[in-house]
């Protein structure tokens, strides 16, 4: 088996960070602009230490960065890692489109599942 590349490791961190619902909610909130841990705590309904742990994972994946503004630290979304993940996923677009086209053709033909050789799941 081939050794993982730096890019593989980066994608692993990105997808691991994105695998958590709370972290995805945090990213969705950061789409609308910077936020403090306190603001994110209210959004997520979690304790400040829990939100800080999620932010640490997001930061290690490069998905968020911290910026100090006087006495506050704001978290901002970083788009480059999301673009990198989207590029990876887009490699499967041709296969997904082909399957969707076959499904559309099958549904348009009006064949019932048992007529196509597949038993019905009714």
Protein backbone atom coordinates (compact mmCIF):
# COMPACT_ATOMS: atom_id res chain seq x y z
CA UNK A 1 0.00 0.00 0.00
CA UNK A 2 1.27 3.47 -0.86
CA UNK A 3 2.43 5.80 1.91
CA UNK A 4 0.01 8.60 2.67
CA UNK A 5 1.03 11.95 1.28
CA UNK A 6 0.89 15.28 3.07
CA UNK A 7 -2.25 16.00 1.09
CA UNK A 8 -3.78 12.70 2.28
CA UNK A 9 -3.05 13.64 5.89
CA UNK A 10 -4.57 17.07 5.34
CA UNK A 11 -7.72 15.58 3.81
CA UNK A 12 -7.95 13.13 6.72
CA UNK A 13 -7.93 16.03 9.19
CA UNK A 14 -10.46 18.01 7.14
CA UNK A 15 -12.92 15.14 6.76
CA UNK A 16 -12.49 14.09 10.41
CA UNK A 17 -13.31 17.64 11.47
CA UNK A 18 -16.31 17.75 9.14
CA UNK A 19 -17.61 14.42 10.41
CA UNK A 20 -18.99 16.03 13.57
CA UNK A 21 -22.40 17.72 13.48
CA UNK A 22 -21.47 20.39 16.03
CA UNK A 23 -18.35 21.38 14.10
CA UNK A 24 -20.40 21.63 10.90
CA UNK A 25 -22.89 23.90 12.72
CA UNK A 26 -20.01 26.07 13.91
CA UNK A 27 -18.71 26.36 10.34
CA UNK A 28 -22.17 27.23 9.07
CA UNK A 29 -22.38 29.99 11.68
CA UNK A 30 -18.94 31.31 10.72
CA UNK A 31 -20.11 31.67 7.11
CA UNK A 32 -21.94 34.81 8.19
CA UNK A 33 -18.87 36.32 9.85
CA UNK A 34 -16.43 36.07 12.74
CA UNK A 35 -17.64 34.92 16.16
CA UNK A 36 -16.25 34.64 19.68
CA UNK A 37 -16.28 31.42 21.68
CA UNK A 38 -19.07 32.92 23.79
CA UNK A 39 -21.21 33.52 20.70
CA UNK A 40 -20.53 30.02 19.44
CA UNK A 41 -21.35 28.56 22.85
CA UNK A 42 -24.82 30.07 22.65
CA UNK A 43 -25.30 28.67 19.15
CA UNK A 44 -24.19 25.15 19.96
CA UNK A 45 -25.77 24.93 23.41
CA UNK A 46 -22.51 23.54 24.76
CA UNK A 47 -20.12 24.59 27.48
CA UNK A 48 -17.25 26.92 26.65
CA UNK A 49 -14.66 24.12 27.10
CA UNK A 50 -16.62 21.86 24.72
CA UNK A 51 -16.83 24.58 22.06
CA UNK A 52 -13.12 25.31 22.53
CA UNK A 53 -12.32 21.63 21.90
CA UNK A 54 -14.37 21.69 18.69
CA UNK A 55 -12.60 24.87 17.61
CA UNK A 56 -9.25 23.24 18.28
CA UNK A 57 -10.13 20.35 15.95
CA UNK A 58 -11.35 22.79 13.30
CA UNK A 59 -8.20 24.84 13.72
CA UNK A 60 -5.91 21.81 13.40
CA UNK A 61 -7.70 20.96 10.16
CA UNK A 62 -7.12 24.53 8.97
CA UNK A 63 -10.85 25.21 8.76
CA UNK A 64 -10.87 28.13 11.22
CA UNK A 65 -8.38 30.66 12.43
CA UNK A 66 -8.29 32.96 15.43
CA UNK A 67 -7.90 36.71 15.19
CA UNK A 68 -7.43 38.96 18.19
CA UNK A 69 -9.41 42.20 18.26
CA UNK A 70 -8.46 44.20 21.37
CA UNK A 71 -9.66 41.98 24.22
CA UNK A 72 -11.61 39.43 22.19
CA UNK A 73 -10.56 36.53 20.02
CA UNK A 74 -12.76 35.97 17.01
CA UNK A 75 -12.85 32.77 14.99
CA UNK A 76 -13.06 33.05 11.20
CA UNK A 77 -13.70 30.41 8.59
CA UNK A 78 -10.88 29.41 6.24
CA UNK A 79 -12.17 28.42 2.80
CA UNK A 80 -9.04 26.84 1.30
CA UNK A 81 -9.41 23.50 3.14
CA UNK A 82 -13.09 23.32 2.20
CA UNK A 83 -12.14 23.91 -1.43
CA UNK A 84 -9.53 21.15 -1.16
CA UNK A 85 -12.21 18.75 0.18
CA UNK A 86 -14.68 19.83 -2.52
CA UNK A 87 -12.10 19.19 -5.24
CA UNK A 88 -11.54 15.69 -3.88
CA UNK A 89 -15.27 14.93 -3.77
CA UNK A 90 -15.80 16.42 -7.24
CA UNK A 91 -13.59 13.66 -8.68
CA UNK A 92 -16.61 11.37 -8.28
CA UNK A 93 -19.02 13.68 -10.06
CA UNK A 94 -18.94 11.77 -13.36
CA UNK A 95 -19.80 8.48 -11.64
CA UNK A 96 -22.57 10.07 -9.57
CA UNK A 97 -24.04 11.80 -12.63
CA UNK A 98 -23.97 8.52 -14.58
CA UNK A 99 -25.84 6.71 -11.81
CA UNK A 100 -28.40 9.48 -11.54
CA UNK A 101 -28.89 9.38 -15.31
CA UNK A 102 -29.47 5.61 -15.17
CA UNK A 103 -31.93 6.05 -12.30
CA UNK A 104 -33.77 8.78 -14.21
CA UNK A 105 -33.97 6.58 -17.30
CA UNK A 106 -35.26 3.68 -15.22
CA UNK A 107 -37.90 5.81 -13.52
CA UNK A 108 -38.93 7.40 -16.81
CA UNK A 109 -39.40 3.99 -18.43
CA UNK A 110 -42.28 3.27 -16.08
CA UNK A 111 -40.98 -0.19 -15.24
CA UNK A 112 -42.00 -1.54 -11.88
CA UNK A 113 -39.13 -3.03 -9.86
CA UNK A 114 -40.33 -6.64 -10.35
CA UNK A 115 -40.53 -6.09 -14.15
CA UNK A 116 -36.87 -5.15 -14.21
CA UNK A 117 -35.79 -8.35 -12.46
CA UNK A 118 -35.58 -6.82 -9.02
CA UNK A 119 -38.07 -7.86 -6.38
CA UNK A 120 -40.36 -5.24 -4.96
CA UNK A 121 -39.75 -4.09 -1.39
CA UNK A 122 -43.42 -3.47 -0.64
